PDB file of N, CA and C in Angstrom:
ATOM      1  N   UNK A   1     126.227  73.979  32.839  1.00  0.00           N
ATOM      2  CA  UNK A   1     125.932  72.645  33.147  1.00  0.00           C
ATOM      3  C   UNK A   1     125.976  72.567  34.649  1.00  0.00           C
ATOM      4  N   UNK A   2     124.804  72.025  35.161  1.00  0.00           N
ATOM      5  CA  UNK A   2     124.562  71.834  36.641  1.00  0.00           C
ATOM      6  C   UNK A   2     125.117  70.505  37.101  1.00  0.00           C
ATOM      7  N   UNK A   3     125.896  70.439  38.256  1.00  0.00           N
ATOM      8  CA  UNK A   3     126.327  69.171  38.697  1.00  0.00           C
ATOM      9  C   UNK A   3     125.846  69.090  40.112  1.00  0.00           C
ATOM     10  N   UNK A   4     125.500  67.797  40.436  1.00  0.00           N
ATOM     11  CA  UNK A   4     124.992  67.492  41.656  1.00  0.00           C
ATOM     12  C   UNK A   4     126.303  67.306  42.654  1.00  0.00           C
ATOM     13  N   UNK A   5     126.506  67.906  43.662  1.00  0.00           N
ATOM     14  CA  UNK A   5     127.532  67.812  44.574  1.00  0.00           C
ATOM     15  C   UNK A   5     127.251  66.684  45.418  1.00  0.00           C
ATOM     16  N   UNK A   6     128.072  65.877  45.694  1.00  0.00           N
ATOM     17  CA  UNK A   6     128.102  64.614  46.568  1.00  0.00           C
ATOM     18  C   UNK A   6     129.228  64.955  47.479  1.00  0.00           C
ATOM     19  N   UNK A   7     129.041  64.550  48.622  1.00  0.00           N
ATOM     20  CA  UNK A   7     129.901  64.820  49.945  1.00  0.00           C
ATOM     21  C   UNK A   7     131.057  63.576  49.876  1.00  0.00           C
ATOM     22  N   UNK A   8     132.146  64.193  49.696  1.00  0.00           N
ATOM     23  CA  UNK A   8     133.357  63.364  49.808  1.00  0.00           C
ATOM     24  C   UNK A   8     133.878  63.164  51.288  1.00  0.00           C
ATOM     25  N   UNK A   9     134.153  62.043  51.527  1.00  0.00           N
ATOM     26  CA  UNK A   9     134.734  61.789  52.968  1.00  0.00           C
ATOM     27  C   UNK A   9     135.663  60.667  52.882  1.00  0.00           C
ATOM     28  N   UNK A  10     136.839  60.913  53.297  1.00  0.00           N
ATOM     29  CA  UNK A  10     137.873  59.784  53.363  1.00  0.00           C
ATOM     30  C   UNK A  10     138.847  60.194  54.332  1.00  0.00           C
ATOM     31  N   UNK A  11     139.696  59.144  54.643  1.00  0.00           N
ATOM     32  CA  UNK A  11     140.817  59.391  55.609  1.00  0.00           C
ATOM     33  C   UNK A  11     141.919  60.224  54.889  1.00  0.00           C
ATOM     34  N   UNK A  12     142.664  60.836  55.737  1.00  0.00           N
ATOM     35  CA  UNK A  12     143.797  61.785  55.380  1.00  0.00           C
ATOM     36  C   UNK A  12     144.635  61.059  54.084  1.00  0.00           C
ATOM     37  N   UNK A  13     145.156  59.871  54.300  1.00  0.00           N
ATOM     38  CA  UNK A  13     145.956  59.250  53.263  1.00  0.00           C
ATOM     39  C   UNK A  13     145.372  59.209  51.935  1.00  0.00           C
ATOM     40  N   UNK A  14     143.991  58.869  52.015  1.00  0.00           N
ATOM     41  CA  UNK A  14     143.355  58.651  50.911  1.00  0.00           C
ATOM     42  C   UNK A  14     142.982  60.055  50.112  1.00  0.00           C
ATOM     43  N   UNK A  15     142.731  60.957  50.795  1.00  0.00           N
ATOM     44  CA  UNK A  15     142.615  62.206  50.110  1.00  0.00           C
ATOM     45  C   UNK A  15     143.918  62.694  49.327  1.00  0.00           C
ATOM     46  N   UNK A  16     144.890  62.643  50.221  1.00  0.00           N
ATOM     47  CA  UNK A  16     146.288  62.964  49.620  1.00  0.00           C
ATOM     48  C   UNK A  16     146.483  62.244  48.199  1.00  0.00           C
ATOM     49  N   UNK A  17     146.302  61.035  48.216  1.00  0.00           N
ATOM     50  CA  UNK A  17     146.448  60.043  46.990  1.00  0.00           C
ATOM     51  C   UNK A  17     145.384  60.694  45.977  1.00  0.00           C
ATOM     52  N   UNK A  18     144.256  60.885  46.394  1.00  0.00           N
ATOM     53  CA  UNK A  18     143.001  61.233  45.247  1.00  0.00           C
ATOM     54  C   UNK A  18     143.545  62.537  44.599  1.00  0.00           C
ATOM     55  N   UNK A  19     143.965  63.472  45.485  1.00  0.00           N
ATOM     56  CA  UNK A  19     144.523  64.786  44.962  1.00  0.00           C
ATOM     57  C   UNK A  19     145.597  64.655  44.104  1.00  0.00           C
ATOM     58  N   UNK A  20     146.593  64.010  44.406  1.00  0.00           N
ATOM     59  CA  UNK A  20     147.670  63.621  43.569  1.00  0.00           C
ATOM     60  C   UNK A  20     147.232  63.100  42.361  1.00  0.00           C
ATOM     61  N   UNK A  21     146.498  61.961  42.278  1.00  0.00           N
ATOM     62  CA  UNK A  21     146.000  61.403  40.995  1.00  0.00           C
ATOM     63  C   UNK A  21     145.147  62.274  40.171  1.00  0.00           C
ATOM     64  N   UNK A  22     144.292  62.983  40.786  1.00  0.00           N
ATOM     65  CA  UNK A  22     143.359  63.899  40.003  1.00  0.00           C
ATOM     66  C   UNK A  22     144.331  65.172  39.441  1.00  0.00           C
ATOM     67  N   UNK A  23     145.170  65.578  40.215  1.00  0.00           N
ATOM     68  CA  UNK A  23     146.031  66.592  39.508  1.00  0.00           C
ATOM     69  C   UNK A  23     146.756  65.897  38.378  1.00  0.00           C
ATOM     70  N   UNK A  24     147.287  64.661  38.457  1.00  0.00           N
ATOM     71  CA  UNK A  24     147.975  64.080  37.329  1.00  0.00           C
ATOM     72  C   UNK A  24     147.175  63.897  36.291  1.00  0.00           C
ATOM     73  N   UNK A  25     145.891  63.425  36.376  1.00  0.00           N
ATOM     74  CA  UNK A  25     144.856  63.201  35.330  1.00  0.00           C
ATOM     75  C   UNK A  25     144.632  64.445  34.557  1.00  0.00           C
ATOM     76  N   UNK A  26     144.590  65.616  35.313  1.00  0.00           N
ATOM     77  CA  UNK A  26     144.405  66.864  34.599  1.00  0.00           C
ATOM     78  C   UNK A  26     145.629  67.375  34.165  1.00  0.00           C
ATOM     79  N   UNK A  27     146.731  66.846  34.445  1.00  0.00           N
ATOM     80  CA  UNK A  27     148.055  67.174  33.806  1.00  0.00           C
ATOM     81  C   UNK A  27     148.465  68.563  34.347  1.00  0.00           C
ATOM     82  N   UNK A  28     148.366  68.592  35.646  1.00  0.00           N
ATOM     83  CA  UNK A  28     148.544  70.027  36.234  1.00  0.00           C
ATOM     84  C   UNK A  28     149.663  69.786  37.255  1.00  0.00           C
ATOM     85  N   UNK A  29     150.552  70.753  37.264  1.00  0.00           N
ATOM     86  CA  UNK A  29     151.379  70.887  38.559  1.00  0.00           C
ATOM     87  C   UNK A  29     150.575  71.262  39.879  1.00  0.00           C
ATOM     88  N   UNK A  30     151.356  71.139  40.826  1.00  0.00           N
ATOM     89  CA  UNK A  30     150.745  71.560  42.215  1.00  0.00           C
ATOM     90  C   UNK A  30     150.412  73.051  42.111  1.00  0.00           C
ATOM     91  N   UNK A  31     150.995  73.772  41.599  1.00  0.00           N
ATOM     92  CA  UNK A  31     150.881  75.371  41.372  1.00  0.00           C
ATOM     93  C   UNK A  31     149.540  75.549  40.510  1.00  0.00           C
ATOM     94  N   UNK A  32     149.587  74.792  39.402  1.00  0.00           N
ATOM     95  CA  UNK A  32     148.341  75.005  38.402  1.00  0.00           C
ATOM     96  C   UNK A  32     147.179  74.433  39.067  1.00  0.00           C
ATOM     97  N   UNK A  33     147.355  73.377  39.703  1.00  0.00           N
ATOM     98  CA  UNK A  33     146.072  72.704  40.437  1.00  0.00           C
ATOM     99  C   UNK A  33     145.594  73.793  41.442  1.00  0.00           C
ATOM    100  N   UNK A  34     146.614  74.223  42.263  1.00  0.00           N
ATOM    101  CA  UNK A  34     146.125  75.292  43.192  1.00  0.00           C
ATOM    102  C   UNK A  34     145.392  76.428  42.656  1.00  0.00           C
ATOM    103  N   UNK A  35     145.750  76.948  41.516  1.00  0.00           N
ATOM    104  CA  UNK A  35     145.265  78.013  40.875  1.00  0.00           C
ATOM    105  C   UNK A  35     143.678  77.631  40.461  1.00  0.00           C
ATOM    106  N   UNK A  36     143.588  76.452  39.947  1.00  0.00           N
ATOM    107  CA  UNK A  36     142.232  75.888  39.551  1.00  0.00           C
ATOM    108  C   UNK A  36     141.391  75.900  40.647  1.00  0.00           C
ATOM    109  N   UNK A  37     141.770  75.535  41.972  1.00  0.00           N
ATOM    110  CA  UNK A  37     140.825  75.577  43.051  1.00  0.00           C
ATOM    111  C   UNK A  37     140.813  76.738  43.733  1.00  0.00           C
ATOM    112  N   UNK A  38     141.585  77.821  43.435  1.00  0.00           N
ATOM    113  CA  UNK A  38     141.657  78.987  44.190  1.00  0.00           C
ATOM    114  C   UNK A  38     142.250  78.909  45.306  1.00  0.00           C
ATOM    115  N   UNK A  39     143.318  77.934  45.567  1.00  0.00           N
ATOM    116  CA  UNK A  39     144.106  77.790  46.649  1.00  0.00           C
ATOM    117  C   UNK A  39     145.483  78.114  46.422  1.00  0.00           C
ATOM    118  N   UNK A  40     146.450  77.961  47.526  1.00  0.00           N
ATOM    119  CA  UNK A  40     147.955  78.150  47.269  1.00  0.00           C
ATOM    120  C   UNK A  40     148.628  76.905  47.133  1.00  0.00           C
ATOM    121  N   UNK A  41     149.872  77.033  46.417  1.00  0.00           N
ATOM    122  CA  UNK A  41     150.820  75.899  46.269  1.00  0.00           C
ATOM    123  C   UNK A  41     150.998  75.135  47.614  1.00  0.00           C
ATOM    124  N   UNK A  42     151.205  75.958  48.773  1.00  0.00           N
ATOM    125  CA  UNK A  42     151.548  75.144  50.062  1.00  0.00           C
ATOM    126  C   UNK A  42     150.345  74.455  50.541  1.00  0.00           C
ATOM    127  N   UNK A  43     149.179  74.840  50.231  1.00  0.00           N
ATOM    128  CA  UNK A  43     148.032  74.231  50.620  1.00  0.00           C
ATOM    129  C   UNK A  43     147.789  72.849  50.074  1.00  0.00           C
ATOM    130  N   UNK A  44     148.133  72.925  48.675  1.00  0.00           N
ATOM    131  CA  UNK A  44     147.916  71.552  47.611  1.00  0.00           C
ATOM    132  C   UNK A  44     148.980  70.593  48.280  1.00  0.00           C
ATOM    133  N   UNK A  45     150.171  71.129  48.514  1.00  0.00           N
ATOM    134  CA  UNK A  45     151.516  70.340  49.011  1.00  0.00           C
ATOM    135  C   UNK A  45     151.123  69.819  50.208  1.00  0.00           C
ATOM    136  N   UNK A  46     150.526  70.429  51.296  1.00  0.00           N
ATOM    137  CA  UNK A  46     150.132  69.917  52.520  1.00  0.00           C
ATOM    138  C   UNK A  46     149.173  68.662  52.366  1.00  0.00           C
ATOM    139  N   UNK A  47     148.128  69.061  51.484  1.00  0.00           N
ATOM    140  CA  UNK A  47     147.156  68.031  51.250  1.00  0.00           C
ATOM    141  C   UNK A  47     147.718  66.791  50.750  1.00  0.00           C
ATOM    142  N   UNK A  48     148.582  66.803  49.716  1.00  0.00           N
ATOM    143  CA  UNK A  48     149.125  65.680  49.110  1.00  0.00           C
ATOM    144  C   UNK A  48     150.074  64.982  50.111  1.00  0.00           C
ATOM    145  N   UNK A  49     150.753  65.590  50.971  1.00  0.00           N
ATOM    146  CA  UNK A  49     151.671  64.981  51.836  1.00  0.00           C
ATOM    147  C   UNK A  49     151.056  64.573  53.094  1.00  0.00           C
ATOM    148  N   UNK A  50     149.726  64.668  53.084  1.00  0.00           N
ATOM    149  CA  UNK A  50     149.057  64.300  54.368  1.00  0.00           C
ATOM    150  C   UNK A  50     149.359  65.136  55.676  1.00  0.00           C
ATOM    151  N   UNK A  51     149.767  66.341  55.434  1.00  0.00           N
ATOM    152  CA  UNK A  51     149.839  67.144  56.566  1.00  0.00           C
ATOM    153  C   UNK A  51     148.648  68.303  56.971  1.00  0.00           C
ATOM    154  N   UNK A  52     147.820  68.115  55.952  1.00  0.00           N
ATOM    155  CA  UNK A  52     146.443  68.881  56.292  1.00  0.00           C
ATOM    156  C   UNK A  52     145.430  68.170  55.308  1.00  0.00           C
ATOM    157  N   UNK A  53     144.235  68.454  55.712  1.00  0.00           N
ATOM    158  CA  UNK A  53     143.078  67.803  55.024  1.00  0.00           C
ATOM    159  C   UNK A  53     142.146  68.994  54.512  1.00  0.00           C
ATOM    160  N   UNK A  54     141.644  68.905  53.166  1.00  0.00           N
ATOM    161  CA  UNK A  54     140.785  69.859  52.742  1.00  0.00           C
ATOM    162  C   UNK A  54     139.695  70.188  53.420  1.00  0.00           C
ATOM    163  N   UNK A  55     139.070  71.363  53.505  1.00  0.00           N
ATOM    164  CA  UNK A  55     138.033  72.001  53.993  1.00  0.00           C
ATOM    165  C   UNK A  55     136.819  71.440  53.390  1.00  0.00           C
ATOM    166  N   UNK A  56     135.538  71.285  53.985  1.00  0.00           N
ATOM    167  CA  UNK A  56     134.363  70.829  53.302  1.00  0.00           C
ATOM    168  C   UNK A  56     134.012  71.700  51.914  1.00  0.00           C
ATOM    169  N   UNK A  57     134.446  72.986  51.918  1.00  0.00           N
ATOM    170  CA  UNK A  57     134.294  73.686  50.632  1.00  0.00           C
ATOM    171  C   UNK A  57     135.341  73.287  49.765  1.00  0.00           C
ATOM    172  N   UNK A  58     136.646  72.943  49.928  1.00  0.00           N
ATOM    173  CA  UNK A  58     137.481  72.601  49.089  1.00  0.00           C
ATOM    174  C   UNK A  58     137.071  71.268  48.549  1.00  0.00           C
ATOM    175  N   UNK A  59     136.634  70.392  49.396  1.00  0.00           N
ATOM    176  CA  UNK A  59     136.203  68.935  48.959  1.00  0.00           C
ATOM    177  C   UNK A  59     135.056  69.060  47.853  1.00  0.00           C
ATOM    178  N   UNK A  60     134.156  70.044  48.136  1.00  0.00           N
ATOM    179  CA  UNK A  60     133.202  70.242  47.157  1.00  0.00           C
ATOM    180  C   UNK A  60     133.708  70.695  45.681  1.00  0.00           C
ATOM    181  N   UNK A  61     134.800  71.617  45.813  1.00  0.00           N
ATOM    182  CA  UNK A  61     135.347  72.028  44.493  1.00  0.00           C
ATOM    183  C   UNK A  61     136.019  70.688  43.912  1.00  0.00           C
ATOM    184  N   UNK A  62     136.597  69.871  44.673  1.00  0.00           N
ATOM    185  CA  UNK A  62     137.235  68.655  44.217  1.00  0.00           C
ATOM    186  C   UNK A  62     136.396  67.750  43.619  1.00  0.00           C
ATOM    187  N   UNK A  63     135.228  67.644  44.323  1.00  0.00           N
ATOM    188  CA  UNK A  63     134.101  66.777  43.713  1.00  0.00           C
ATOM    189  C   UNK A  63     133.630  67.248  42.310  1.00  0.00           C
ATOM    190  N   UNK A  64     133.372  68.650  42.291  1.00  0.00           N
ATOM    191  CA  UNK A  64     132.987  69.283  40.871  1.00  0.00           C
ATOM    192  C   UNK A  64     134.090  68.927  39.846  1.00  0.00           C
ATOM    193  N   UNK A  65     135.313  68.909  40.206  1.00  0.00           N
ATOM    194  CA  UNK A  65     136.372  68.688  39.078  1.00  0.00           C
ATOM    195  C   UNK A  65     136.343  67.251  38.878  1.00  0.00           C
ATOM    196  N   UNK A  66     135.968  66.337  39.601  1.00  0.00           N
ATOM    197  CA  UNK A  66     135.910  64.896  39.494  1.00  0.00           C
ATOM    198  C   UNK A  66     134.607  64.583  38.399  1.00  0.00           C
ATOM    199  N   UNK A  67     133.530  65.398  38.850  1.00  0.00           N
ATOM    200  CA  UNK A  67     132.345  65.234  37.866  1.00  0.00           C
ATOM    201  C   UNK A  67     132.675  65.848  36.488  1.00  0.00           C
ATOM    202  N   UNK A  68     133.444  66.996  36.481  1.00  0.00           N
ATOM    203  CA  UNK A  68     133.641  67.531  35.111  1.00  0.00           C
ATOM    204  C   UNK A  68     134.650  66.531  34.152  1.00  0.00           C
ATOM    205  N   UNK A  69     135.423  65.622  34.987  1.00  0.00           N
ATOM    206  CA  UNK A  69     136.137  64.724  34.124  1.00  0.00           C
ATOM    207  C   UNK A  69     135.436  63.435  33.616  1.00  0.00           C
ATOM    208  N   UNK A  70     133.999  63.430  33.923  1.00  0.00           N
ATOM    209  CA  UNK A  70     133.256  62.353  33.433  1.00  0.00           C
ATOM    210  C   UNK A  70     133.688  61.020  33.810  1.00  0.00           C
ATOM    211  N   UNK A  71     134.059  60.127  32.877  1.00  0.00           N
ATOM    212  CA  UNK A  71     134.369  58.689  33.226  1.00  0.00           C
ATOM    213  C   UNK A  71     135.599  58.631  34.044  1.00  0.00           C
ATOM    214  N   UNK A  72     136.555  59.498  33.621  1.00  0.00           N
ATOM    215  CA  UNK A  72     137.926  59.536  34.482  1.00  0.00           C
ATOM    216  C   UNK A  72     137.713  59.799  35.892  1.00  0.00           C
ATOM    217  N   UNK A  73     136.837  60.861  36.079  1.00  0.00           N
ATOM    218  CA  UNK A  73     136.541  61.295  37.349  1.00  0.00           C
ATOM    219  C   UNK A  73     135.709  60.342  38.104  1.00  0.00           C
ATOM    220  N   UNK A  74     134.837  59.697  37.438  1.00  0.00           N
ATOM    221  CA  UNK A  74     133.984  58.667  38.139  1.00  0.00           C
ATOM    222  C   UNK A  74     134.812  57.457  38.448  1.00  0.00           C
ATOM    223  N   UNK A  75     135.964  57.192  37.768  1.00  0.00           N
ATOM    224  CA  UNK A  75     136.843  56.066  38.019  1.00  0.00           C
ATOM    225  C   UNK A  75     137.526  56.336  39.305  1.00  0.00           C
ATOM    226  N   UNK A  76     137.972  57.661  39.331  1.00  0.00           N
ATOM    227  CA  UNK A  76     138.710  58.107  40.640  1.00  0.00           C
ATOM    228  C   UNK A  76     137.782  57.976  41.894  1.00  0.00           C
ATOM    229  N   UNK A  77     136.749  58.427  41.697  1.00  0.00           N
ATOM    230  CA  UNK A  77     135.647  58.604  42.730  1.00  0.00           C
ATOM    231  C   UNK A  77     135.367  57.043  43.242  1.00  0.00           C
ATOM    232  N   UNK A  78     135.117  56.129  42.381  1.00  0.00           N
ATOM    233  CA  UNK A  78     135.018  54.775  42.788  1.00  0.00           C
ATOM    234  C   UNK A  78     136.153  54.078  43.434  1.00  0.00           C
ATOM    235  N   UNK A  79     137.360  54.358  42.972  1.00  0.00           N
ATOM    236  CA  UNK A  79     138.551  53.920  43.477  1.00  0.00           C
ATOM    237  C   UNK A  79     138.826  54.526  44.899  1.00  0.00           C
ATOM    238  N   UNK A  80     138.676  55.669  45.194  1.00  0.00           N
ATOM    239  CA  UNK A  80     138.860  56.431  46.548  1.00  0.00           C
ATOM    240  C   UNK A  80     137.750  56.314  47.494  1.00  0.00           C
ATOM    241  N   UNK A  81     136.487  56.365  46.848  1.00  0.00           N
ATOM    242  CA  UNK A  81     135.339  56.481  47.670  1.00  0.00           C
ATOM    243  C   UNK A  81     134.272  55.256  47.322  1.00  0.00           C
ATOM    244  N   UNK A  82     134.522  54.014  47.299  1.00  0.00           N
ATOM    245  CA  UNK A  82     133.825  52.946  46.838  1.00  0.00           C
ATOM    246  C   UNK A  82     132.485  52.808  47.581  1.00  0.00           C
ATOM    247  N   UNK A  83     132.473  53.236  48.872  1.00  0.00           N
ATOM    248  CA  UNK A  83     131.288  53.148  49.732  1.00  0.00           C
ATOM    249  C   UNK A  83     130.225  54.127  49.227  1.00  0.00           C
ATOM    250  N   UNK A  84     130.608  55.344  48.632  1.00  0.00           N
ATOM    251  CA  UNK A  84     129.709  56.332  47.995  1.00  0.00           C
ATOM    252  C   UNK A  84     128.698  55.709  47.079  1.00  0.00           C
ATOM    253  N   UNK A  85     129.135  54.885  46.383  1.00  0.00           N
ATOM    254  CA  UNK A  85     128.271  54.269  45.232  1.00  0.00           C
ATOM    255  C   UNK A  85     126.958  53.628  45.839  1.00  0.00           C
ATOM    256  N   UNK A  86     127.212  53.155  47.074  1.00  0.00           N
ATOM    257  CA  UNK A  86     125.890  52.343  47.622  1.00  0.00           C
ATOM    258  C   UNK A  86     125.021  53.397  48.330  1.00  0.00           C
ATOM    259  N   UNK A  87     125.588  54.637  48.485  1.00  0.00           N
ATOM    260  CA  UNK A  87     124.776  55.722  49.080  1.00  0.00           C
ATOM    261  C   UNK A  87     123.726  56.517  48.115  1.00  0.00           C
ATOM    262  N   UNK A  88     124.068  56.175  46.740  1.00  0.00           N
ATOM    263  CA  UNK A  88     123.348  56.855  45.808  1.00  0.00           C
ATOM    264  C   UNK A  88     121.948  56.488  45.534  1.00  0.00           C
TER     265      UNK A  88
END
């Protein structure tokens, strides 16, 4: 299935909250979420706690996960990136 990748852009605190909520929707621990993205546990932990921001490549992977979650992913996208809707 092909997905159109949209660019995510948000301030650091929003990214951390999005990642935590996405991980919880997927019912994954930080360790399992890290595996899903091909990252390490400390990386996910730093993102969620606001100590680091995902790279553009990691943001694309997160966007793909949001798209795979269909309605739930779109609800998260709208919650954290409402301005993206007007750019479509």
